[in-house]
C-alpha atoms as a PDB file:
ATOM      1  CA  MET A   1     -37.255  49.624 -32.594  1.00  0.00           C
ATOM      2  CA  LYS A   2     -34.195  49.161 -36.268  1.00  0.00           C
ATOM      3  CA  LYS A   3     -32.890  47.022 -34.139  1.00  0.00           C
ATOM      4  CA  TYR A   4     -35.623  44.898 -33.218  1.00  0.00           C
ATOM      5  CA  LEU A   5     -37.544  45.602 -36.858  1.00  0.00           C
ATOM      6  CA  ILE A   6     -33.658  43.910 -38.409  1.00  0.00           C
ATOM      7  CA  ILE A   7     -34.093  40.735 -36.096  1.00  0.00           C
ATOM      8  CA  VAL A   8     -37.975  39.780 -36.973  1.00  0.00           C
ATOM      9  CA  LEU A   9     -37.002  40.451 -41.018  1.00  0.00           C
ATOM     10  CA  ALA A  10     -34.080  38.735 -40.570  1.00  0.00           C
ATOM     11  CA  PHE A  11     -35.840  35.703 -37.885  1.00  0.00           C
ATOM     12  CA  VAL A  12     -38.084  35.475 -41.018  1.00  0.00           C
ATOM     13  CA  GLY A  13     -36.398  35.649 -44.353  1.00  0.00           C
ATOM     14  CA  SER A  14     -34.773  32.751 -42.347  1.00  0.00           C
ATOM     15  CA  PHE A  15     -37.764  31.140 -42.173  1.00  0.00           C
ATOM     16  CA  MET A  16     -39.020  31.919 -45.778  1.00  0.00           C
ATOM     17  CA  ASN A  17     -34.920  29.802 -46.602  1.00  0.00           C
ATOM     18  CA  GLU A  18     -35.925  26.938 -45.082  1.00  0.00           C
ATOM     19  CA  VAL A  19     -39.595  26.767 -45.882  1.00  0.00           C
ATOM     20  CA  HIS A  20     -38.458  27.047 -49.580  1.00  0.00           C
ATOM     21  CA  ALA A  21     -35.507  25.107 -49.555  1.00  0.00           C
ATOM     22  CA  ASN A  22     -38.333  22.308 -48.064  1.00  0.00           C
ATOM     23  CA  GLU A  23     -40.112  22.842 -51.083  1.00  0.00           C
ATOM     24  CA  ALA A  24     -37.053  22.315 -53.598  1.00  0.00           C
ATOM     25  CA  PHE A  25     -36.551  19.183 -51.669  1.00  0.00           C
ATOM     26  CA  PHE A  26     -39.264  17.476 -51.986  1.00  0.00           C
ATOM     27  CA  ALA A  27     -40.212  18.367 -55.607  1.00  0.00           C
ATOM     28  CA  GLU A  28     -36.943  17.329 -55.993  1.00  0.00           C
ATOM     29  CA  ALA A  29     -37.523  14.193 -54.742  1.00  0.00           C
ATOM     30  CA  ASP A  30     -40.543  13.691 -56.327  1.00  0.00           C
ATOM     31  CA  ALA A  31     -38.824  14.455 -59.862  1.00  0.00           C
ATOM     32  CA  PHE A  32     -35.506  12.135 -58.545  1.00  0.00           C
ATOM     33  CA  PHE A  33     -38.468   8.932 -58.272  1.00  0.00           C
ATOM     34  CA  LYS A  34     -40.380   8.853 -61.042  1.00  0.00           C
ATOM     35  CA  GLU A  35     -37.173   8.896 -63.346  1.00  0.00           C
ATOM     36  CA  TYR A  36     -35.335   5.944 -60.932  1.00  0.00           C
ATOM     37  CA  VAL A  37     -38.518   3.798 -59.563  1.00  0.00           C
ATOM     38  CA  SER A  38     -40.973   1.714 -61.871  1.00  0.00           C
ATOM     39  CA  ASN A  39     -42.682  -0.914 -60.823  1.00  0.00           C
ATOM     40  CA  GLY A  40     -41.024  -1.014 -57.455  1.00  0.00           C
ATOM     41  CA  ARG A  41     -37.757  -1.402 -58.126  1.00  0.00           C
ATOM     42  CA  ILE A  42     -34.926   0.582 -58.719  1.00  0.00           C
ATOM     43  CA  ASP A  43     -32.391   1.354 -61.742  1.00  0.00           C
ATOM     44  CA  TYR A  44     -29.204   1.345 -59.475  1.00  0.00           C
ATOM     45  CA  ALA A  45     -27.036   0.011 -62.303  1.00  0.00           C
ATOM     46  CA  ARG A  46     -27.901   4.161 -64.469  1.00  0.00           C
ATOM     47  CA  LEU A  47     -27.600   5.605 -60.731  1.00  0.00           C
ATOM     48  CA  HIS A  48     -23.863   4.221 -60.362  1.00  0.00           C
ATOM     49  CA  GLU A  49     -22.897   4.639 -63.219  1.00  0.00           C
ATOM     50  CA  SER A  50     -24.108   9.118 -62.908  1.00  0.00           C
ATOM     51  CA  PRO A  51     -24.454   9.439 -59.441  1.00  0.00           C
ATOM     52  CA  LYS A  52     -24.761  12.936 -59.607  1.00  0.00           C
ATOM     53  CA  PRO A  53     -28.840  12.959 -59.486  1.00  0.00           C
ATOM     54  CA  LEU A  54     -28.458  11.056 -56.435  1.00  0.00           C
ATOM     55  CA  GLU A  55     -25.559  13.263 -55.055  1.00  0.00           C
ATOM     56  CA  GLU A  56     -26.779  15.846 -55.319  1.00  0.00           C
ATOM     57  CA  LEU A  57     -30.514  15.366 -54.002  1.00  0.00           C
ATOM     58  CA  MET A  58     -28.255  13.831 -50.731  1.00  0.00           C
ATOM     59  CA  GLU A  59     -27.035  17.018 -50.474  1.00  0.00           C
ATOM     60  CA  LEU A  60     -29.909  19.321 -50.782  1.00  0.00           C
ATOM     61  CA  ALA A  61     -31.475  16.616 -47.389  1.00  0.00           C
ATOM     62  CA  ALA A  62     -28.747  17.419 -45.011  1.00  0.00           C
ATOM     63  CA  SER A  63     -29.721  20.943 -45.800  1.00  0.00           C
ATOM     64  CA  ILE A  64     -32.864  20.260 -44.898  1.00  0.00           C
ATOM     65  CA  LYS A  65     -34.791  21.451 -40.812  1.00  0.00           C
ATOM     66  CA  VAL A  66     -37.589  20.068 -40.215  1.00  0.00           C
ATOM     67  CA  ASP A  67     -38.868  19.985 -36.570  1.00  0.00           C
ATOM     68  CA  LYS A  68     -41.339  17.082 -35.500  1.00  0.00           C
ATOM     69  CA  ALA A  69     -44.174  19.982 -34.329  1.00  0.00           C
ATOM     70  CA  ASN A  70     -44.799  20.220 -37.772  1.00  0.00           C
ATOM     71  CA  ALA A  71     -45.806  15.861 -38.096  1.00  0.00           C
ATOM     72  CA  SER A  72     -46.595  16.126 -41.656  1.00  0.00           C
ATOM     73  CA  THR A  73     -42.961  17.362 -42.976  1.00  0.00           C
ATOM     74  CA  TYR A  74     -41.046  16.169 -40.963  1.00  0.00           C
ATOM     75  CA  GLN A  75     -42.623  12.117 -41.055  1.00  0.00           C
ATOM     76  CA  ALA A  76     -42.469  13.042 -45.003  1.00  0.00           C
ATOM     77  CA  PHE A  77     -39.322  13.854 -44.761  1.00  0.00           C
ATOM     78  CA  TRP A  78     -37.820  11.665 -42.896  1.00  0.00           C
ATOM     79  CA  ILE A  79     -39.596   8.651 -44.972  1.00  0.00           C
ATOM     80  CA  ASN A  80     -38.148  10.151 -47.875  1.00  0.00           C
ATOM     81  CA  ALA A  81     -34.572  10.646 -46.646  1.00  0.00           C
ATOM     82  CA  TYR A  82     -34.765   7.069 -45.485  1.00  0.00           C
ATOM     83  CA  ASN A  83     -35.234   5.421 -49.146  1.00  0.00           C
ATOM     84  CA  LEU A  84     -32.709   8.039 -50.548  1.00  0.00           C
ATOM     85  CA  ALA A  85     -30.202   7.026 -47.687  1.00  0.00           C
ATOM     86  CA  VAL A  86     -31.052   2.967 -49.212  1.00  0.00           C
ATOM     87  CA  ILE A  87     -30.798   3.634 -52.590  1.00  0.00           C
ATOM     88  CA  LYS A  88     -27.566   5.949 -51.754  1.00  0.00           C
ATOM     89  CA  GLY A  89     -26.236   3.161 -49.345  1.00  0.00           C
ATOM     90  CA  ILE A  90     -26.886   0.656 -52.422  1.00  0.00           C
ATOM     91  CA  VAL A  91     -25.398   2.103 -55.311  1.00  0.00           C
ATOM     92  CA  THR A  92     -22.284   2.480 -53.303  1.00  0.00           C
ATOM     93  CA  ASN A  93     -21.812  -0.614 -52.678  1.00  0.00           C
ATOM     94  CA  TYR A  94     -23.087  -1.454 -56.709  1.00  0.00           C
ATOM     95  CA  PRO A  95     -22.819  -3.669 -57.652  1.00  0.00           C
ATOM     96  CA  ILE A  96     -24.183  -6.139 -54.172  1.00  0.00           C
ATOM     97  CA  LYS A  97     -26.809  -8.869 -54.194  1.00  0.00           C
ATOM     98  CA  SER A  98     -28.681  -7.537 -50.799  1.00  0.00           C
ATOM     99  CA  PRO A  99     -28.243  -4.608 -48.228  1.00  0.00           C
ATOM    100  CA  LEU A 100     -27.432  -7.514 -45.713  1.00  0.00           C
ATOM    101  CA  ASP A 101     -24.304  -7.916 -47.723  1.00  0.00           C
ATOM    102  CA  LYS A 102     -22.984  -4.942 -46.483  1.00  0.00           C
ATOM    103  CA  ALA A 103     -21.412  -4.827 -42.893  1.00  0.00           C
ATOM    104  CA  GLY A 104     -23.270  -2.458 -40.960  1.00  0.00           C
ATOM    105  CA  PHE A 105     -25.532  -1.537 -44.001  1.00  0.00           C
ATOM    106  CA  PHE A 106     -28.226  -0.631 -41.641  1.00  0.00           C
ATOM    107  CA  ASP A 107     -27.163   0.274 -38.107  1.00  0.00           C
ATOM    108  CA  LYS A 108     -23.532   1.528 -38.367  1.00  0.00           C
ATOM    109  CA  ALA A 109     -23.058   3.336 -41.929  1.00  0.00           C
ATOM    110  CA  LYS A 110     -24.087   7.059 -41.884  1.00  0.00           C
ATOM    111  CA  TYR A 111     -25.549   9.746 -43.908  1.00  0.00           C
ATOM    112  CA  ASN A 112     -25.872  13.346 -43.436  1.00  0.00           C
ATOM    113  CA  LEU A 113     -29.407  13.947 -42.949  1.00  0.00           C
ATOM    114  CA  GLY A 114     -31.843  16.704 -42.408  1.00  0.00           C
ATOM    115  CA  GLY A 115     -28.533  18.692 -40.705  1.00  0.00           C
ATOM    116  CA  VAL A 116     -27.363  15.570 -38.491  1.00  0.00           C
ATOM    117  CA  SER A 117     -25.762  12.250 -39.390  1.00  0.00           C
ATOM    118  CA  ILE A 118     -27.475   9.219 -38.893  1.00  0.00           C
ATOM    119  CA  THR A 119     -27.737   5.325 -39.592  1.00  0.00           C
ATOM    120  CA  LEU A 120     -30.791   3.279 -41.207  1.00  0.00           C
ATOM    121  CA  ASN A 121     -31.923   2.494 -37.911  1.00  0.00           C
ATOM    122  CA  ASP A 122     -32.164   5.642 -35.500  1.00  0.00           C
ATOM    123  CA  ILE A 123     -33.960   7.078 -38.335  1.00  0.00           C
ATOM    124  CA  GLU A 124     -36.635   4.479 -38.418  1.00  0.00           C
ATOM    125  CA  ASN A 125     -36.211   3.815 -34.915  1.00  0.00           C
ATOM    126  CA  LYS A 126     -35.383   7.227 -32.802  1.00  0.00           C
ATOM    127  CA  LEU A 127     -36.586   9.988 -35.447  1.00  0.00           C
ATOM    128  CA  LEU A 128     -40.210   7.329 -36.889  1.00  0.00           C
ATOM    129  CA  ARG A 129     -41.763   5.044 -34.641  1.00  0.00           C
ATOM    130  CA  ALA A 130     -40.766   6.672 -31.236  1.00  0.00           C
ATOM    131  CA  GLN A 131     -41.568   9.678 -32.255  1.00  0.00           C
ATOM    132  CA  PHE A 132     -45.146   8.789 -34.175  1.00  0.00           C
ATOM    133  CA  ASN A 133     -47.678   5.778 -33.230  1.00  0.00           C
ATOM    134  CA  ASP A 134     -48.213   4.531 -36.507  1.00  0.00           C
ATOM    135  CA  ALA A 135     -47.050   1.624 -37.479  1.00  0.00           C
ATOM    136  CA  ARG A 136     -48.354   2.515 -41.793  1.00  0.00           C
ATOM    137  CA  VAL A 137     -44.581   3.351 -41.394  1.00  0.00           C
ATOM    138  CA  HIS A 138     -43.164   0.247 -41.808  1.00  0.00           C
ATOM    139  CA  PHE A 139     -44.961  -0.114 -44.937  1.00  0.00           C
ATOM    140  CA  VAL A 140     -43.184   2.859 -47.011  1.00  0.00           C
ATOM    141  CA  LEU A 141     -40.177   2.459 -45.774  1.00  0.00           C
ATOM    142  CA  VAL A 142     -38.343   0.338 -48.290  1.00  0.00           C
ATOM    143  CA  CYS A 143     -34.984  -1.255 -47.305  1.00  0.00           C
ATOM    144  CA  GLY A 144     -33.608  -1.913 -50.552  1.00  0.00           C
ATOM    145  CA  ALA A 145     -34.763  -5.474 -50.942  1.00  0.00           C
ATOM    146  CA  ILE A 146     -37.692  -7.756 -53.025  1.00  0.00           C
ATOM    147  CA  GLY A 147     -38.949  -8.246 -49.272  1.00  0.00           C
ATOM    148  CA  CYS A 148     -39.994  -4.981 -48.445  1.00  0.00           C
ATOM    149  CA  PRO A 149     -42.988  -3.326 -49.811  1.00  0.00           C
ATOM    150  CA  PRO A 150     -42.880  -2.267 -53.195  1.00  0.00           C
ATOM    151  CA  ILE A 151     -40.685   1.492 -52.862  1.00  0.00           C
ATOM    152  CA  ILE A 152     -43.086   3.747 -55.027  1.00  0.00           C
ATOM    153  CA  ASN A 153     -42.561   6.679 -57.974  1.00  0.00           C
ATOM    154  CA  ALA A 154     -42.835   9.277 -56.485  1.00  0.00           C
ATOM    155  CA  ALA A 155     -42.052  11.303 -52.654  1.00  0.00           C
ATOM    156  CA  TYR A 156     -44.802  11.457 -49.846  1.00  0.00           C
ATOM    157  CA  LYS A 157     -45.130  15.103 -49.069  1.00  0.00           C
ATOM    158  CA  PRO A 158     -46.671  17.260 -46.361  1.00  0.00           C
ATOM    159  CA  GLU A 159     -49.876  17.487 -47.788  1.00  0.00           C
ATOM    160  CA  THR A 160     -50.774  13.867 -49.113  1.00  0.00           C
ATOM    161  CA  LEU A 161     -48.882  12.128 -46.626  1.00  0.00           C
ATOM    162  CA  GLU A 162     -51.310  10.597 -45.031  1.00  0.00           C
ATOM    163  CA  ASN A 163     -53.368   9.634 -47.955  1.00  0.00           C
ATOM    164  CA  GLN A 164     -49.531   7.935 -49.025  1.00  0.00           C
ATOM    165  CA  LEU A 165     -49.444   5.947 -46.102  1.00  0.00           C
ATOM    166  CA  GLN A 166     -53.015   4.801 -45.858  1.00  0.00           C
ATOM    167  CA  GLN A 167     -53.017   3.695 -50.049  1.00  0.00           C
ATOM    168  CA  GLN A 168     -49.260   1.978 -49.615  1.00  0.00           C
ATOM    169  CA  THR A 169     -50.663  -0.146 -46.795  1.00  0.00           C
ATOM    170  CA  GLU A 170     -53.974  -0.809 -48.450  1.00  0.00           C
ATOM    171  CA  LYS A 171     -51.893  -1.776 -51.317  1.00  0.00           C
ATOM    172  CA  ALA A 172     -49.713  -4.286 -49.055  1.00  0.00           C
ATOM    173  CA  LEU A 173     -51.864  -5.511 -46.518  1.00  0.00           C
ATOM    174  CA  ASN A 174     -54.357  -7.157 -49.306  1.00  0.00           C
ATOM    175  CA  ASN A 175     -51.524  -8.160 -51.697  1.00  0.00           C
ATOM    176  CA  PRO A 176     -51.646 -12.353 -51.938  1.00  0.00           C
ATOM    177  CA  ASN A 177     -47.410 -12.459 -52.005  1.00  0.00           C
ATOM    178  CA  PHE A 178     -47.032 -10.056 -49.213  1.00  0.00           C
ATOM    179  CA  ILE A 179     -49.545 -11.914 -46.783  1.00  0.00           C
ATOM    180  CA  LYS A 180     -50.572 -15.504 -47.274  1.00  0.00           C
ATOM    181  CA  VAL A 181     -53.400 -17.732 -46.292  1.00  0.00           C
ATOM    182  CA  GLU A 182     -52.282 -21.300 -46.879  1.00  0.00           C
ATOM    183  CA  GLY A 183     -55.423 -23.498 -45.179  1.00  0.00           C
ATOM    184  CA  LYS A 184     -56.005 -22.938 -42.272  1.00  0.00           C
ATOM    185  CA  SER A 185     -52.396 -20.723 -41.627  1.00  0.00           C
ATOM    186  CA  VAL A 186     -51.791 -16.974 -43.067  1.00  0.00           C
ATOM    187  CA  LEU A 187     -48.355 -16.009 -43.400  1.00  0.00           C
ATOM    188  CA  VAL A 188     -46.605 -12.916 -42.996  1.00  0.00           C
ATOM    189  CA  SER A 189     -43.866 -11.035 -43.358  1.00  0.00           C
ATOM    190  CA  GLU A 190     -41.559 -11.275 -40.373  1.00  0.00           C
ATOM    191  CA  ILE A 191     -42.107  -7.322 -40.434  1.00  0.00           C
ATOM    192  CA  PHE A 192     -44.653  -8.765 -37.989  1.00  0.00           C
ATOM    193  CA  LYS A 193     -41.890 -10.255 -35.673  1.00  0.00           C
ATOM    194  CA  TRP A 194     -39.434  -8.063 -35.942  1.00  0.00           C
ATOM    195  CA  TYR A 195     -42.223  -5.080 -35.173  1.00  0.00           C
ATOM    196  CA  LYS A 196     -44.096  -6.917 -33.071  1.00  0.00           C
ATOM    197  CA  GLU A 197     -45.136  -4.289 -30.404  1.00  0.00           C
ATOM    198  CA  ASP A 198     -45.988  -2.258 -33.702  1.00  0.00           C
ATOM    199  CA  PHE A 199     -48.940  -3.929 -34.551  1.00  0.00           C
ATOM    200  CA  VAL A 200     -50.760  -5.530 -31.592  1.00  0.00           C
ATOM    201  CA  LYS A 201     -51.154  -2.365 -29.312  1.00  0.00           C
ATOM    202  CA  LYS A 202     -54.055  -1.927 -27.223  1.00  0.00           C
ATOM    203  CA  GLY A 203     -54.975  -5.587 -27.061  1.00  0.00           C
ATOM    204  CA  GLN A 204     -55.353  -6.477 -30.584  1.00  0.00           C
ATOM    205  CA  THR A 205     -53.841  -9.141 -32.533  1.00  0.00           C
ATOM    206  CA  GLU A 206     -51.432  -8.630 -35.683  1.00  0.00           C
ATOM    207  CA  ILE A 207     -54.574 -10.045 -37.851  1.00  0.00           C
ATOM    208  CA  ASP A 208     -57.236  -7.735 -36.170  1.00  0.00           C
ATOM    209  CA  PHE A 209     -54.217  -5.004 -37.559  1.00  0.00           C
ATOM    210  CA  ILE A 210     -54.483  -6.942 -40.641  1.00  0.00           C
ATOM    211  CA  ASN A 211     -58.033  -7.000 -41.334  1.00  0.00           C
ATOM    212  CA  GLN A 212     -58.135  -2.967 -40.300  1.00  0.00           C
ATOM    213  CA  PHE A 213     -57.087  -2.627 -44.415  1.00  0.00           C
ATOM    214  CA  ARG A 214     -58.311  -5.057 -45.992  1.00  0.00           C
ATOM    215  CA  LYS A 215     -61.217  -5.572 -48.697  1.00  0.00           C
ATOM    216  CA  GLU A 216     -61.208  -9.395 -47.736  1.00  0.00           C
ATOM    217  CA  LYS A 217     -61.468 -10.193 -43.946  1.00  0.00           C
ATOM    218  CA  LEU A 218     -59.095 -13.067 -42.590  1.00  0.00           C
ATOM    219  CA  SER A 219     -60.089 -15.387 -40.321  1.00  0.00           C
ATOM    220  CA  THR A 220     -59.089 -14.540 -36.782  1.00  0.00           C
ATOM    221  CA  SER A 221     -59.102 -18.702 -36.503  1.00  0.00           C
ATOM    222  CA  LEU A 222     -56.263 -18.639 -38.828  1.00  0.00           C
ATOM    223  CA  LYS A 223     -52.930 -19.671 -37.350  1.00  0.00           C
ATOM    224  CA  LEU A 224     -50.528 -17.141 -37.348  1.00  0.00           C
ATOM    225  CA  ALA A 225     -46.856 -18.043 -39.244  1.00  0.00           C
ATOM    226  CA  TYR A 226     -44.470 -15.883 -40.590  1.00  0.00           C
ATOM    227  CA  TYR A 227     -42.190 -16.886 -44.108  1.00  0.00           C
ATOM    228  CA  THR A 228     -38.382 -15.777 -44.964  1.00  0.00           C
ATOM    229  CA  TYR A 229     -38.122 -12.808 -45.589  1.00  0.00           C
ATOM    230  CA  ASN A 230     -36.454 -12.019 -49.284  1.00  0.00           C
ATOM    231  CA  TRP A 231     -32.836  -9.494 -48.789  1.00  0.00           C
ATOM    232  CA  ASN A 232     -32.277  -9.868 -52.747  1.00  0.00           C
ATOM    233  CA  VAL A 233     -31.881  -6.042 -53.639  1.00  0.00           C
ATOM    234  CA  ASN A 234     -35.018  -4.333 -55.834  1.00  0.00           C
ATOM    235  CA  SER A 235     -32.940  -4.037 -58.699  1.00  0.00           C
ATOM    236  CA  LYS A 236     -34.755  -2.807 -62.280  1.00  0.00           C
ATOM    237  CA  LYS A 237     -35.199  -6.146 -63.736  1.00  0.00           C
END
């Protein structure tokens, strides 16, 4: 009985440690984004000069354990982890005009996050897109470029994730600089081309998807086209 009690206490202790670590990560990530992000831009120059806050947060993120059975915590962690890893990649290679200027930025460079060594592409495609049927993720993962939907100055948290996903998707799809109506055409981000399969499920079109989040609906007769993605780094001006 005593041995059983010790095992139970050890399990509870380990579980509580994980809970506290997760809470610490979300709190520190929130403080970090508030400090270094403003108006959708990131202060890479300041982080390059004084990288300790980013390094410490990356170390904490490496130790976090999340399970996809707890979907909101899992998604929130990996969204934040992706955005932090992008920042880390740009700071490491600073100054850099575009993430594409560094070969393998998305598919070769690996980061220790959530107990694994992983690339940005694998976070996006294997841990998020493949596990959850939610195209809104494309409006919260920020690739370090101006063409991305803007990064927010807050962490994504389990308890606010649903509202944050909805809010950021609505902001992007109602922004005339992101969805551009020109005559009989609508020009959309190349995100809709690269991840087309995510937006046309169950027989809907890209315009059908966009209209779910638009205040002013687009005519379904509009011709869809893509404008060129702006890969310049989203540095603070």
